[in-house]
Amino acid sequence: MRDPVFNTIPKIMKTQTEKQIIGNRGEDIACEYLTKNGYRIVGRNFRVQGGELDIIARHNDELIFFEVKTRGPRAFGYPEEAVTIHKMKRITRAIRYYLCKTPIKNTYIRFDIISVELQNNLPDYKVNHLKNIELKENFV
């Protein structure tokens, strides 16, 4: 059915789960943190079959791929503990695809994890930036 005012077909709104809302908030916080610390965001949510890169940023002469993990106030464990070997394989696949499709010269490439812990008071959070995480060549 077309909307008579705009003469368009209305989009079906997809409701987000609580986990998706928390994850999106964590990525927004991570981007804010990176920007304040001199990083330039060049991409978000880069998806390929079999993998996804949450944030891609530049800092000086480096290209950094970020995995962002967020935990709500009632969650157990540290967010970064959720980056498993299986997840790292998928990230490696996405990084390789990105590098094949994007011309990059004279650039140091690294992989970082940003963990965001949301506190009980909604605006409060804790950010932990783990730099230069090793990705094994035999992951793919």
C-alpha atoms as a PDB file:
ATOM      1  CA  MET A   1       0.000   0.000   0.000  1.00  0.00           C
ATOM      2  CA  ARG A   2       1.372   3.390  -0.970  1.00  0.00           C
ATOM      3  CA  ASP A   3       1.537   6.355   1.366  1.00  0.00           C
ATOM      4  CA  PRO A   4      -0.700   9.000  -0.309  1.00  0.00           C
ATOM      5  CA  VAL A   5       1.322  11.911   1.067  1.00  0.00           C
ATOM      6  CA  PHE A   6       4.757  10.786  -0.117  1.00  0.00           C
ATOM      7  CA  ASN A   7       3.606   8.323  -2.814  1.00  0.00           C
ATOM      8  CA  THR A   8       6.036   5.706  -1.530  1.00  0.00           C
ATOM      9  CA  ILE A   9       5.758   2.218  -0.212  1.00  0.00           C
ATOM     10  CA  PRO A  10       6.204   2.368   3.581  1.00  0.00           C
ATOM     11  CA  LYS A  11       9.252   0.591   4.978  1.00  0.00           C
ATOM     12  CA  ILE A  12       8.670  -2.135   7.509  1.00  0.00           C
ATOM     13  CA  MET A  13      10.486  -1.103  10.650  1.00  0.00           C
ATOM     14  CA  LYS A  14      12.637  -3.852  12.078  1.00  0.00           C
ATOM     15  CA  THR A  15      12.687  -3.774  15.851  1.00  0.00           C
ATOM     16  CA  GLN A  16      16.060  -4.248  17.460  1.00  0.00           C
ATOM     17  CA  THR A  17      16.772  -6.668  20.255  1.00  0.00           C
ATOM     18  CA  GLU A  18      18.259  -5.425  23.519  1.00  0.00           C
ATOM     19  CA  LYS A  19      21.563  -7.035  22.493  1.00  0.00           C
ATOM     20  CA  GLN A  20      21.577  -5.073  19.202  1.00  0.00           C
ATOM     21  CA  ILE A  21      20.752  -1.813  20.982  1.00  0.00           C
ATOM     22  CA  ILE A  22      23.621  -2.365  23.436  1.00  0.00           C
ATOM     23  CA  GLY A  23      25.986  -3.293  20.584  1.00  0.00           C
ATOM     24  CA  ASN A  24      25.080  -0.200  18.564  1.00  0.00           C
ATOM     25  CA  ARG A  25      25.541   2.012  21.622  1.00  0.00           C
ATOM     26  CA  GLY A  26      28.961   0.455  22.198  1.00  0.00           C
ATOM     27  CA  GLU A  27      30.023   1.115  18.601  1.00  0.00           C
ATOM     28  CA  ASP A  28      28.850   4.734  18.874  1.00  0.00           C
ATOM     29  CA  ILE A  29      30.839   5.148  22.107  1.00  0.00           C
ATOM     30  CA  ALA A  30      33.899   3.539  20.464  1.00  0.00           C
ATOM     31  CA  CYS A  31      33.691   5.934  17.484  1.00  0.00           C
ATOM     32  CA  GLU A  32      33.410   8.900  19.833  1.00  0.00           C
ATOM     33  CA  TYR A  33      36.413   7.648  21.838  1.00  0.00           C
ATOM     34  CA  LEU A  34      38.489   7.125  18.677  1.00  0.00           C
ATOM     35  CA  THR A  35      37.625  10.528  17.223  1.00  0.00           C
ATOM     36  CA  LYS A  36      38.570  12.264  20.489  1.00  0.00           C
ATOM     37  CA  ASN A  37      41.911  10.433  20.376  1.00  0.00           C
ATOM     38  CA  GLY A  38      42.853  11.528  16.868  1.00  0.00           C
ATOM     39  CA  TYR A  39      41.533   8.631  14.788  1.00  0.00           C
ATOM     40  CA  ARG A  40      39.603   9.254  11.571  1.00  0.00           C
ATOM     41  CA  ILE A  41      36.736   6.818  10.995  1.00  0.00           C
ATOM     42  CA  VAL A  42      36.724   5.574   7.385  1.00  0.00           C
ATOM     43  CA  GLY A  43      34.119   2.842   7.695  1.00  0.00           C
ATOM     44  CA  ARG A  44      31.631   1.102   9.952  1.00  0.00           C
ATOM     45  CA  ASN A  45      29.968  -2.289   9.773  1.00  0.00           C
ATOM     46  CA  PHE A  46      31.863  -3.501   6.693  1.00  0.00           C
ATOM     47  CA  ARG A  47      30.209  -6.837   5.930  1.00  0.00           C
ATOM     48  CA  VAL A  48      31.293  -9.652   3.661  1.00  0.00           C
ATOM     49  CA  GLN A  49      30.120 -13.214   3.474  1.00  0.00           C
ATOM     50  CA  GLY A  50      31.603 -14.870   6.506  1.00  0.00           C
ATOM     51  CA  GLY A  51      32.782 -11.785   8.383  1.00  0.00           C
ATOM     52  CA  GLU A  52      32.290  -8.215   9.530  1.00  0.00           C
ATOM     53  CA  LEU A  53      34.498  -5.305  10.584  1.00  0.00           C
ATOM     54  CA  ASP A  54      32.858  -3.060  13.181  1.00  0.00           C
ATOM     55  CA  ILE A  55      35.035   0.023  12.623  1.00  0.00           C
ATOM     56  CA  ILE A  56      37.812   0.895  10.193  1.00  0.00           C
ATOM     57  CA  ALA A  57      39.906   3.933  11.078  1.00  0.00           C
ATOM     58  CA  ARG A  58      43.110   5.740  10.203  1.00  0.00           C
ATOM     59  CA  HIS A  59      45.595   7.120  12.666  1.00  0.00           C
ATOM     60  CA  ASN A  60      48.820   8.704  11.396  1.00  0.00           C
ATOM     61  CA  ASP A  61      50.109   6.234   8.788  1.00  0.00           C
ATOM     62  CA  GLU A  62      48.137   3.263  10.169  1.00  0.00           C
ATOM     63  CA  LEU A  63      44.948   1.568   9.027  1.00  0.00           C
ATOM     64  CA  ILE A  64      43.249  -0.057  12.008  1.00  0.00           C
ATOM     65  CA  PHE A  65      40.447  -2.596  12.027  1.00  0.00           C
ATOM     66  CA  PHE A  66      38.399  -2.629  15.228  1.00  0.00           C
ATOM     67  CA  GLU A  67      36.200  -5.218  16.837  1.00  0.00           C
ATOM     68  CA  VAL A  68      33.900  -3.624  19.400  1.00  0.00           C
ATOM     69  CA  LYS A  69      32.442  -5.668  22.246  1.00  0.00           C
ATOM     70  CA  THR A  70      29.947  -4.191  24.670  1.00  0.00           C
ATOM     71  CA  ARG A  71      28.468  -5.491  27.888  1.00  0.00           C
ATOM     72  CA  GLY A  72      25.525  -4.125  29.779  1.00  0.00           C
ATOM     73  CA  PRO A  73      25.580  -3.495  33.516  1.00  0.00           C
ATOM     74  CA  ARG A  74      24.162  -6.913  34.375  1.00  0.00           C
ATOM     75  CA  ALA A  75      26.466  -8.974  32.144  1.00  0.00           C
ATOM     76  CA  PHE A  76      29.197 -11.236  33.487  1.00  0.00           C
ATOM     77  CA  GLY A  77      32.789 -11.209  32.291  1.00  0.00           C
ATOM     78  CA  TYR A  78      34.793  -8.716  30.317  1.00  0.00           C
ATOM     79  CA  PRO A  79      33.526  -7.773  26.845  1.00  0.00           C
ATOM     80  CA  GLU A  80      36.830  -8.580  25.142  1.00  0.00           C
ATOM     81  CA  GLU A  81      36.546 -12.185  26.327  1.00  0.00           C
ATOM     82  CA  ALA A  82      33.832 -12.635  23.697  1.00  0.00           C
ATOM     83  CA  VAL A  83      36.373 -12.308  20.863  1.00  0.00           C
ATOM     84  CA  THR A  84      36.882 -16.020  20.310  1.00  0.00           C
ATOM     85  CA  ILE A  85      39.136 -17.864  17.849  1.00  0.00           C
ATOM     86  CA  HIS A  86      36.068 -18.417  15.644  1.00  0.00           C
ATOM     87  CA  LYS A  87      35.285 -14.679  15.690  1.00  0.00           C
ATOM     88  CA  MET A  88      38.907 -13.830  14.880  1.00  0.00           C
ATOM     89  CA  LYS A  89      38.794 -16.149  11.860  1.00  0.00           C
ATOM     90  CA  ARG A  90      35.765 -14.252  10.568  1.00  0.00           C
ATOM     91  CA  ILE A  91      37.464 -10.901  11.193  1.00  0.00           C
ATOM     92  CA  THR A  92      40.604 -12.085   9.369  1.00  0.00           C
ATOM     93  CA  ARG A  93      38.477 -13.083   6.376  1.00  0.00           C
ATOM     94  CA  ALA A  94      36.822  -9.654   6.301  1.00  0.00           C
ATOM     95  CA  ILE A  95      40.180  -7.851   6.628  1.00  0.00           C
ATOM     96  CA  ARG A  96      41.658  -9.837   3.736  1.00  0.00           C
ATOM     97  CA  TYR A  97      38.649  -9.065   1.553  1.00  0.00           C
ATOM     98  CA  TYR A  98      38.815  -5.353   2.445  1.00  0.00           C
ATOM     99  CA  LEU A  99      42.534  -5.201   1.631  1.00  0.00           C
ATOM    100  CA  CYS A 100      41.978  -6.934  -1.721  1.00  0.00           C
ATOM    101  CA  LYS A 101      39.283  -4.420  -2.706  1.00  0.00           C
ATOM    102  CA  THR A 102      40.899  -1.254  -1.334  1.00  0.00           C
ATOM    103  CA  PRO A 103      44.178   0.098  -2.733  1.00  0.00           C
ATOM    104  CA  ILE A 104      46.508   0.697   0.205  1.00  0.00           C
ATOM    105  CA  LYS A 105      50.181   1.594  -0.069  1.00  0.00           C
ATOM    106  CA  ASN A 106      52.830   2.310   2.553  1.00  0.00           C
ATOM    107  CA  THR A 107      50.408   1.793   5.404  1.00  0.00           C
ATOM    108  CA  TYR A 108      50.898  -0.172   8.579  1.00  0.00           C
ATOM    109  CA  ILE A 109      47.853  -2.360   9.290  1.00  0.00           C
ATOM    110  CA  ARG A 110      46.758  -3.549  12.707  1.00  0.00           C
ATOM    111  CA  PHE A 111      43.808  -5.069  14.528  1.00  0.00           C
ATOM    112  CA  ASP A 112      42.502  -3.654  17.823  1.00  0.00           C
ATOM    113  CA  ILE A 113      39.678  -4.525  20.190  1.00  0.00           C
ATOM    114  CA  ILE A 114      37.633  -1.915  21.999  1.00  0.00           C
ATOM    115  CA  SER A 115      35.570  -3.123  24.916  1.00  0.00           C
ATOM    116  CA  VAL A 116      32.801  -0.995  26.353  1.00  0.00           C
ATOM    117  CA  GLU A 117      31.298  -1.708  29.753  1.00  0.00           C
ATOM    118  CA  LEU A 118      28.029   0.106  30.335  1.00  0.00           C
ATOM    119  CA  GLN A 119      27.400   1.071  33.939  1.00  0.00           C
ATOM    120  CA  ASN A 120      24.127   1.165  35.876  1.00  0.00           C
ATOM    121  CA  ASN A 121      23.816   4.899  35.266  1.00  0.00           C
ATOM    122  CA  LEU A 122      23.029   5.096  31.552  1.00  0.00           C
ATOM    123  CA  PRO A 123      25.485   7.840  30.543  1.00  0.00           C
ATOM    124  CA  ASP A 124      28.377   6.188  32.405  1.00  0.00           C
ATOM    125  CA  TYR A 125      30.631   3.669  30.665  1.00  0.00           C
ATOM    126  CA  LYS A 126      34.186   2.347  30.687  1.00  0.00           C
ATOM    127  CA  VAL A 127      36.255   1.976  27.501  1.00  0.00           C
ATOM    128  CA  ASN A 128      39.243  -0.358  27.225  1.00  0.00           C
ATOM    129  CA  HIS A 129      41.353  -0.148  24.049  1.00  0.00           C
ATOM    130  CA  LEU A 130      43.477  -3.228  23.372  1.00  0.00           C
ATOM    131  CA  LYS A 131      45.987  -2.450  20.634  1.00  0.00           C
ATOM    132  CA  ASN A 132      47.768  -4.569  18.054  1.00  0.00           C
ATOM    133  CA  ILE A 133      46.051  -7.921  18.605  1.00  0.00           C
ATOM    134  CA  GLU A 134      47.784 -10.734  16.733  1.00  0.00           C
ATOM    135  CA  LEU A 135      45.834 -12.439  13.986  1.00  0.00           C
ATOM    136  CA  LYS A 136      47.370 -15.780  13.003  1.00  0.00           C
ATOM    137  CA  GLU A 137      47.989 -16.455   9.317  1.00  0.00           C
ATOM    138  CA  ASN A 138      46.385 -19.901   9.551  1.00  0.00           C
ATOM    139  CA  PHE A 139      43.028 -18.464  10.676  1.00  0.00           C
ATOM    140  CA  VAL A 140      41.628 -18.638   7.138  1.00  0.00           C
END
